[in-house]
PDB file of N, CA and C in Angstrom:
ATOM      1  N   MET A   1      13.204   6.437  20.679  1.00  0.00           N
ATOM      2  CA  MET A   1      12.455   5.281  20.241  1.00  0.00           C
ATOM      3  C   MET A   1      11.302   5.693  19.331  1.00  0.00           C
ATOM      4  N   ARG A   2      10.621   6.791  19.663  1.00  0.00           N
ATOM      5  CA  ARG A   2       9.510   7.261  18.838  1.00  0.00           C
ATOM      6  C   ARG A   2      10.007   7.704  17.464  1.00  0.00           C
ATOM      7  N   THR A   3      11.181   8.310  17.404  1.00  0.00           N
ATOM      8  CA  THR A   3      11.733   8.746  16.132  1.00  0.00           C
ATOM      9  C   THR A   3      12.005   7.549  15.223  1.00  0.00           C
ATOM     10  N   LEU A   4      12.525   6.483  15.784  1.00  0.00           N
ATOM     11  CA  LEU A   4      12.792   5.281  15.010  1.00  0.00           C
ATOM     12  C   LEU A   4      11.483   4.672  14.495  1.00  0.00           C
ATOM     13  N   ARG A   5      10.456   4.647  15.335  1.00  0.00           N
ATOM     14  CA  ARG A   5       9.161   4.119  14.917  1.00  0.00           C
ATOM     15  C   ARG A   5       8.569   4.972  13.792  1.00  0.00           C
ATOM     16  N   ASP A   6       8.682   6.291  13.908  1.00  0.00           N
ATOM     17  CA  ASP A   6       8.176   7.168  12.860  1.00  0.00           C
ATOM     18  C   ASP A   6       8.944   6.970  11.553  1.00  0.00           C
ATOM     19  N   LEU A   7      10.239   6.747  11.643  1.00  0.00           N
ATOM     20  CA  LEU A   7      11.043   6.492  10.453  1.00  0.00           C
ATOM     21  C   LEU A   7      10.632   5.177   9.783  1.00  0.00           C
ATOM     22  N   VAL A   8      10.365   4.160  10.585  1.00  0.00           N
ATOM     23  CA  VAL A   8       9.910   2.879  10.036  1.00  0.00           C
ATOM     24  C   VAL A   8       8.545   3.046   9.376  1.00  0.00           C
ATOM     25  N   TRP A   9       7.633   3.786   9.990  1.00  0.00           N
ATOM     26  CA  TRP A   9       6.311   4.022   9.405  1.00  0.00           C
ATOM     27  C   TRP A   9       6.428   4.787   8.085  1.00  0.00           C
ATOM     28  N   LEU A  10       7.304   5.782   8.046  1.00  0.00           N
ATOM     29  CA  LEU A  10       7.487   6.563   6.827  1.00  0.00           C
ATOM     30  C   LEU A  10       8.060   5.704   5.705  1.00  0.00           C
ATOM     31  N   THR A  11       9.025   4.847   6.042  1.00  0.00           N
ATOM     32  CA  THR A  11       9.603   3.937   5.055  1.00  0.00           C
ATOM     33  C   THR A  11       8.550   2.959   4.548  1.00  0.00           C
ATOM     34  N   GLN A  12       7.741   2.410   5.445  1.00  0.00           N
ATOM     35  CA  GLN A  12       6.694   1.479   5.043  1.00  0.00           C
ATOM     36  C   GLN A  12       5.654   2.167   4.171  1.00  0.00           C
ATOM     37  N   LEU A  13       5.320   3.398   4.485  1.00  0.00           N
ATOM     38  CA  LEU A  13       4.374   4.148   3.662  1.00  0.00           C
ATOM     39  C   LEU A  13       4.927   4.324   2.249  1.00  0.00           C
ATOM     40  N   GLY A  14       6.201   4.643   2.139  1.00  0.00           N
ATOM     41  CA  GLY A  14       6.830   4.787   0.826  1.00  0.00           C
ATOM     42  C   GLY A  14       6.776   3.494   0.028  1.00  0.00           C
ATOM     43  N   PHE A  15       7.121   2.384   0.668  1.00  0.00           N
ATOM     44  CA  PHE A  15       7.064   1.096  -0.015  1.00  0.00           C
ATOM     45  C   PHE A  15       5.620   0.738  -0.391  1.00  0.00           C
ATOM     46  N   SER A  16       4.681   1.040   0.491  1.00  0.00           N
ATOM     47  CA  SER A  16       3.284   0.703   0.231  1.00  0.00           C
ATOM     48  C   SER A  16       2.716   1.483  -0.942  1.00  0.00           C
ATOM     49  N   ILE A  17       3.202   2.670  -1.172  1.00  0.00           N
ATOM     50  CA  ILE A  17       2.700   3.486  -2.270  1.00  0.00           C
ATOM     51  C   ILE A  17       3.437   3.186  -3.574  1.00  0.00           C
ATOM     52  N   VAL A  18       4.743   3.033  -3.506  1.00  0.00           N
ATOM     53  CA  VAL A  18       5.550   2.872  -4.717  1.00  0.00           C
ATOM     54  C   VAL A  18       5.428   1.476  -5.313  1.00  0.00           C
ATOM     55  N   THR A  19       5.341   0.437  -4.491  1.00  0.00           N
ATOM     56  CA  THR A  19       5.365  -0.929  -4.994  1.00  0.00           C
ATOM     57  C   THR A  19       4.200  -1.254  -5.929  1.00  0.00           C
ATOM     58  N   PRO A  20       2.933  -1.002  -5.569  1.00  0.00           N
ATOM     59  CA  PRO A  20       1.864  -1.332  -6.527  1.00  0.00           C
ATOM     60  C   PRO A  20       1.962  -0.528  -7.820  1.00  0.00           C
ATOM     61  N   LEU A  21       2.391   0.713  -7.702  1.00  0.00           N
ATOM     62  CA  LEU A  21       2.520   1.560  -8.883  1.00  0.00           C
ATOM     63  C   LEU A  21       3.589   1.006  -9.828  1.00  0.00           C
ATOM     64  N   LEU A  22       4.754   0.669  -9.292  1.00  0.00           N
ATOM     65  CA  LEU A  22       5.823   0.133 -10.127  1.00  0.00           C
ATOM     66  C   LEU A  22       5.472  -1.217 -10.734  1.00  0.00           C
ATOM     67  N   VAL A  23       4.885  -2.095  -9.942  1.00  0.00           N
ATOM     68  CA  VAL A  23       4.539  -3.424 -10.451  1.00  0.00           C
ATOM     69  C   VAL A  23       3.526  -3.317 -11.583  1.00  0.00           C
ATOM     70  N   CYS A  24       2.498  -2.496 -11.410  1.00  0.00           N
ATOM     71  CA  CYS A  24       1.483  -2.364 -12.458  1.00  0.00           C
ATOM     72  C   CYS A  24       2.040  -1.699 -13.709  1.00  0.00           C
ATOM     73  N   ILE A  25       2.863  -0.681 -13.557  1.00  0.00           N
ATOM     74  CA  ILE A  25       3.424  -0.008 -14.725  1.00  0.00           C
ATOM     75  C   ILE A  25       4.404  -0.914 -15.463  1.00  0.00           C
ATOM     76  N   LEU A  26       5.269  -1.609 -14.732  1.00  0.00           N
ATOM     77  CA  LEU A  26       6.217  -2.510 -15.394  1.00  0.00           C
ATOM     78  C   LEU A  26       5.498  -3.667 -16.083  1.00  0.00           C
ATOM     79  N   THR A  27       4.451  -4.184 -15.465  1.00  0.00           N
ATOM     80  CA  THR A  27       3.666  -5.244 -16.105  1.00  0.00           C
ATOM     81  C   THR A  27       2.955  -4.711 -17.346  1.00  0.00           C
ATOM     82  N   ALA A  28       2.436  -3.481 -17.274  1.00  0.00           N
ATOM     83  CA  ALA A  28       1.761  -2.884 -18.425  1.00  0.00           C
ATOM     84  C   ALA A  28       2.735  -2.635 -19.573  1.00  0.00           C
ATOM     85  N   VAL A  29       3.951  -2.221 -19.257  1.00  0.00           N
ATOM     86  CA  VAL A  29       4.956  -2.014 -20.305  1.00  0.00           C
ATOM     87  C   VAL A  29       5.307  -3.339 -20.964  1.00  0.00           C
ATOM     88  N   TRP A  30       5.443  -4.389 -20.159  1.00  0.00           N
ATOM     89  CA  TRP A  30       5.734  -5.710 -20.723  1.00  0.00           C
ATOM     90  C   TRP A  30       4.577  -6.187 -21.603  1.00  0.00           C
ATOM     91  N   LEU A  31       3.334  -6.000 -21.119  1.00  0.00           N
ATOM     92  CA  LEU A  31       2.174  -6.399 -21.907  1.00  0.00           C
ATOM     93  C   LEU A  31       1.996  -5.537 -23.147  1.00  0.00           C
ATOM     94  N   ARG A  32       2.420  -4.295 -23.100  1.00  0.00           N
ATOM     95  CA  ARG A  32       2.335  -3.417 -24.272  1.00  0.00           C
ATOM     96  C   ARG A  32       3.169  -3.988 -25.415  1.00  0.00           C
ATOM     97  N   ASP A  33       4.337  -4.518 -25.062  1.00  0.00           N
ATOM     98  CA  ASP A  33       5.180  -5.126 -26.091  1.00  0.00           C
ATOM     99  C   ASP A  33       4.550  -6.395 -26.655  1.00  0.00           C
ATOM    100  N   GLU A  34       3.771  -7.091 -25.834  1.00  0.00           N
ATOM    101  CA  GLU A  34       3.142  -8.334 -26.268  1.00  0.00           C
ATOM    102  C   GLU A  34       1.809  -8.106 -26.982  1.00  0.00           C
ATOM    103  N   LEU A  35       0.981  -7.192 -26.486  1.00  0.00           N
ATOM    104  CA  LEU A  35      -0.389  -7.038 -26.981  1.00  0.00           C
ATOM    105  C   LEU A  35      -0.645  -5.756 -27.763  1.00  0.00           C
ATOM    106  N   GLY A  36       0.095  -4.734 -27.492  1.00  0.00           N
ATOM    107  CA  GLY A  36      -0.150  -3.455 -28.156  1.00  0.00           C
ATOM    108  C   GLY A  36      -0.206  -2.328 -27.138  1.00  0.00           C
ATOM    109  N   GLY A  37      -0.382  -1.092 -27.614  1.00  0.00           N
ATOM    110  CA  GLY A  37      -0.284   0.082 -26.766  1.00  0.00           C
ATOM    111  C   GLY A  37      -1.446   0.348 -25.845  1.00  0.00           C
ATOM    112  N   TRP A  38      -2.591  -0.298 -26.035  1.00  0.00           N
ATOM    113  CA  TRP A  38      -3.784   0.004 -25.250  1.00  0.00           C
ATOM    114  C   TRP A  38      -3.663  -0.424 -23.801  1.00  0.00           C
ATOM    115  N   VAL A  39      -2.726  -1.284 -23.460  1.00  0.00           N
ATOM    116  CA  VAL A  39      -2.631  -1.851 -22.117  1.00  0.00           C
ATOM    117  C   VAL A  39      -1.980  -0.875 -21.127  1.00  0.00           C
ATOM    118  N   LEU A  40      -1.253   0.079 -21.628  1.00  0.00           N
ATOM    119  CA  LEU A  40      -0.493   0.973 -20.747  1.00  0.00           C
ATOM    120  C   LEU A  40      -1.400   1.854 -19.885  1.00  0.00           C
ATOM    121  N   ILE A  41      -2.443   2.419 -20.458  1.00  0.00           N
ATOM    122  CA  ILE A  41      -3.340   3.304 -19.697  1.00  0.00           C
ATOM    123  C   ILE A  41      -4.037   2.558 -18.553  1.00  0.00           C
ATOM    124  N   PRO A  42      -4.659   1.387 -18.792  1.00  0.00           N
ATOM    125  CA  PRO A  42      -5.254   0.663 -17.658  1.00  0.00           C
ATOM    126  C   PRO A  42      -4.226   0.246 -16.610  1.00  0.00           C
ATOM    127  N   GLY A  43      -3.008  -0.066 -17.047  1.00  0.00           N
ATOM    128  CA  GLY A  43      -1.959  -0.427 -16.087  1.00  0.00           C
ATOM    129  C   GLY A  43      -1.598   0.730 -15.181  1.00  0.00           C
ATOM    130  N   ILE A  44      -1.504   1.913 -15.759  1.00  0.00           N
ATOM    131  CA  ILE A  44      -1.204   3.103 -14.951  1.00  0.00           C
ATOM    132  C   ILE A  44      -2.347   3.401 -13.989  1.00  0.00           C
ATOM    133  N   LEU A  45      -3.583   3.300 -14.478  1.00  0.00           N
ATOM    134  CA  LEU A  45      -4.740   3.563 -13.611  1.00  0.00           C
ATOM    135  C   LEU A  45      -4.844   2.536 -12.480  1.00  0.00           C
ATOM    136  N   LEU A  46      -4.603   1.261 -12.790  1.00  0.00           N
ATOM    137  CA  LEU A  46      -4.613   0.245 -11.739  1.00  0.00           C
ATOM    138  C   LEU A  46      -3.499   0.483 -10.720  1.00  0.00           C
ATOM    139  N   GLY A  47      -2.330   0.887 -11.200  1.00  0.00           N
ATOM    140  CA  GLY A  47      -1.225   1.188 -10.292  1.00  0.00           C
ATOM    141  C   GLY A  47      -1.543   2.357  -9.374  1.00  0.00           C
ATOM    142  N   LEU A  48      -2.136   3.410  -9.939  1.00  0.00           N
ATOM    143  CA  LEU A  48      -2.530   4.558  -9.109  1.00  0.00           C
ATOM    144  C   LEU A  48      -3.599   4.170  -8.100  1.00  0.00           C
ATOM    145  N   GLY A  49      -4.562   3.363  -8.537  1.00  0.00           N
ATOM    146  CA  GLY A  49      -5.603   2.905  -7.617  1.00  0.00           C
ATOM    147  C   GLY A  49      -5.027   2.069  -6.485  1.00  0.00           C
ATOM    148  N   GLY A  50      -4.102   1.182  -6.821  1.00  0.00           N
ATOM    149  CA  GLY A  50      -3.462   0.368  -5.784  1.00  0.00           C
ATOM    150  C   GLY A  50      -2.632   1.199  -4.828  1.00  0.00           C
ATOM    151  N   ALA A  51      -1.927   2.201  -5.352  1.00  0.00           N
ATOM    152  CA  ALA A  51      -1.120   3.066  -4.501  1.00  0.00           C
ATOM    153  C   ALA A  51      -2.003   3.889  -3.556  1.00  0.00           C
ATOM    154  N   ILE A  52      -3.098   4.421  -4.075  1.00  0.00           N
ATOM    155  CA  ILE A  52      -4.010   5.196  -3.234  1.00  0.00           C
ATOM    156  C   ILE A  52      -4.648   4.309  -2.177  1.00  0.00           C
ATOM    157  N   SER A  53      -5.063   3.123  -2.578  1.00  0.00           N
ATOM    158  CA  SER A  53      -5.673   2.193  -1.631  1.00  0.00           C
ATOM    159  C   SER A  53      -4.697   1.791  -0.530  1.00  0.00           C
ATOM    160  N   ALA A  54      -3.465   1.495  -0.911  1.00  0.00           N
ATOM    161  CA  ALA A  54      -2.457   1.117   0.083  1.00  0.00           C
ATOM    162  C   ALA A  54      -2.143   2.283   1.021  1.00  0.00           C
ATOM    163  N   GLY A  55      -2.070   3.491   0.469  1.00  0.00           N
ATOM    164  CA  GLY A  55      -1.802   4.662   1.301  1.00  0.00           C
ATOM    165  C   GLY A  55      -2.917   4.939   2.296  1.00  0.00           C
ATOM    166  N   LEU A  56      -4.162   4.841   1.837  1.00  0.00           N
ATOM    167  CA  LEU A  56      -5.293   5.063   2.736  1.00  0.00           C
ATOM    168  C   LEU A  56      -5.371   3.981   3.813  1.00  0.00           C
ATOM    169  N   SER A  57      -5.131   2.740   3.427  1.00  0.00           N
ATOM    170  CA  SER A  57      -5.155   1.642   4.385  1.00  0.00           C
ATOM    171  C   SER A  57      -4.066   1.819   5.437  1.00  0.00           C
ATOM    172  N   PHE A  58      -2.887   2.232   4.991  1.00  0.00           N
ATOM    173  CA  PHE A  58      -1.789   2.459   5.924  1.00  0.00           C
ATOM    174  C   PHE A  58      -2.112   3.597   6.882  1.00  0.00           C
ATOM    175  N   CYS A  59      -2.708   4.674   6.361  1.00  0.00           N
ATOM    176  CA  CYS A  59      -3.051   5.812   7.230  1.00  0.00           C
ATOM    177  C   CYS A  59      -4.113   5.433   8.253  1.00  0.00           C
ATOM    178  N   ARG A  60      -5.089   4.619   7.839  1.00  0.00           N
ATOM    179  CA  ARG A  60      -6.104   4.156   8.793  1.00  0.00           C
ATOM    180  C   ARG A  60      -5.473   3.301   9.887  1.00  0.00           C
ATOM    181  N   GLN A  61      -4.523   2.466   9.500  1.00  0.00           N
ATOM    182  CA  GLN A  61      -3.866   1.591  10.469  1.00  0.00           C
ATOM    183  C   GLN A  61      -3.030   2.409  11.447  1.00  0.00           C
ATOM    184  N   VAL A  62      -2.300   3.392  10.961  1.00  0.00           N
ATOM    185  CA  VAL A  62      -1.459   4.218  11.827  1.00  0.00           C
ATOM    186  C   VAL A  62      -2.320   5.090  12.732  1.00  0.00           C
ATOM    187  N   LYS A  63      -3.406   5.611  12.203  1.00  0.00           N
ATOM    188  CA  LYS A  63      -4.292   6.464  13.002  1.00  0.00           C
ATOM    189  C   LYS A  63      -4.926   5.675  14.140  1.00  0.00           C
ATOM    190  N   GLY A  64      -5.229   4.411  13.913  1.00  0.00           N
ATOM    191  CA  GLY A  64      -5.846   3.576  14.934  1.00  0.00           C
ATOM    192  C   GLY A  64      -4.856   3.076  15.969  1.00  0.00           C
ATOM    193  N   ALA A  65      -3.560   3.146  15.690  1.00  0.00           N
ATOM    194  CA  ALA A  65      -2.548   2.642  16.619  1.00  0.00           C
ATOM    195  C   ALA A  65      -2.116   3.768  17.549  1.00  0.00           C
ATOM    196  N   ASP A  66      -2.778   3.889  18.670  1.00  0.00           N
ATOM    197  CA  ASP A  66      -2.441   4.897  19.672  1.00  0.00           C
ATOM    198  C   ASP A  66      -1.525   4.248  20.699  1.00  0.00           C
ATOM    199  N   PRO A  67      -0.263   4.714  20.828  1.00  0.00           N
ATOM    200  CA  PRO A  67       0.662   4.059  21.754  1.00  0.00           C
ATOM    201  C   PRO A  67       0.264   4.195  23.218  1.00  0.00           C
ATOM    202  N   GLY A  68      -0.515   5.208  23.580  1.00  0.00           N
ATOM    203  CA  GLY A  68      -0.909   5.390  24.965  1.00  0.00           C
ATOM    204  C   GLY A  68      -2.083   4.517  25.373  1.00  0.00           C
ATOM    205  N   LYS A  69      -2.833   4.037  24.381  1.00  0.00           N
ATOM    206  CA  LYS A  69      -4.014   3.234  24.648  1.00  0.00           C
ATOM    207  C   LYS A  69      -3.651   1.748  24.576  1.00  0.00           C
ATOM    208  N   GLU A  70      -4.134   1.004  25.557  1.00  0.00           N
ATOM    209  CA  GLU A  70      -3.838  -0.425  25.565  1.00  0.00           C
ATOM    210  C   GLU A  70      -4.688  -1.129  24.513  1.00  0.00           C
ATOM    211  N   GLN A  71      -4.032  -1.950  23.699  1.00  0.00           N
ATOM    212  CA  GLN A  71      -4.710  -2.666  22.632  1.00  0.00           C
ATOM    213  C   GLN A  71      -5.365  -3.927  23.188  1.00  0.00           C
ATOM    214  N   PRO A  72      -6.527  -4.313  22.653  1.00  0.00           N
ATOM    215  CA  PRO A  72      -7.155  -5.552  23.116  1.00  0.00           C
ATOM    216  C   PRO A  72      -6.323  -6.753  22.669  1.00  0.00           C
ATOM    217  N   PRO A  73      -6.406  -7.843  23.415  1.00  0.00           N
ATOM    218  CA  PRO A  73      -5.626  -9.022  23.029  1.00  0.00           C
ATOM    219  C   PRO A  73      -6.124  -9.600  21.706  1.00  0.00           C
ATOM    220  N   VAL A  74      -5.215 -10.235  20.993  1.00  0.00           N
ATOM    221  CA  VAL A  74      -5.566 -10.841  19.709  1.00  0.00           C
ATOM    222  C   VAL A  74      -6.265 -12.163  19.979  1.00  0.00           C
ATOM    223  N   SER A  75      -7.419 -12.349  19.362  1.00  0.00           N
ATOM    224  CA  SER A  75      -8.172 -13.577  19.509  1.00  0.00           C
ATOM    225  C   SER A  75      -8.631 -14.023  18.128  1.00  0.00           C
ATOM    226  N   PHE A  76      -8.283 -15.237  17.777  1.00  0.00           N
ATOM    227  CA  PHE A  76      -8.636 -15.736  16.459  1.00  0.00           C
ATOM    228  C   PHE A  76      -9.983 -16.452  16.450  1.00  0.00           C
ATOM    229  N   ASN A  77     -10.642 -16.545  17.596  1.00  0.00           N
ATOM    230  CA  ASN A  77     -11.922 -17.239  17.672  1.00  0.00           C
ATOM    231  C   ASN A  77     -13.105 -16.300  17.528  1.00  0.00           C
ATOM    232  N   GLU A  78     -12.872 -14.996  17.614  1.00  0.00           N
ATOM    233  CA  GLU A  78     -13.954 -14.021  17.481  1.00  0.00           C
ATOM    234  C   GLU A  78     -14.049 -13.551  16.037  1.00  0.00           C
ATOM    235  N   HIS A  79     -15.264 -13.571  15.500  1.00  0.00           N
ATOM    236  CA  HIS A  79     -15.491 -13.117  14.130  1.00  0.00           C
ATOM    237  C   HIS A  79     -16.453 -11.949  14.181  1.00  0.00           C
ATOM    238  N   TYR A  80     -16.128 -10.941  13.437  1.00  0.00           N
ATOM    239  CA  TYR A  80     -16.966  -9.741  13.407  1.00  0.00           C
ATOM    240  C   TYR A  80     -17.733  -9.676  12.133  1.00  0.00           C
TER     241      TYR A  80
END
């Protein structure tokens, strides 16, 4: 069961990193054809930033999820 969970986490990490990068680069390539070549560099940088942000967020979430520790109940009335 743990192996399956680790495989799902690894797959999700891959999707979380690749998706923002691909979307930003493909959008930048499309905009390059419409506006000119200057759009490609910001598109690549935004894609890398999104991929790094998604990867760090995913790692923080996985690090905080300890299977041996009981999680507090979900409450939508408490605001932090």
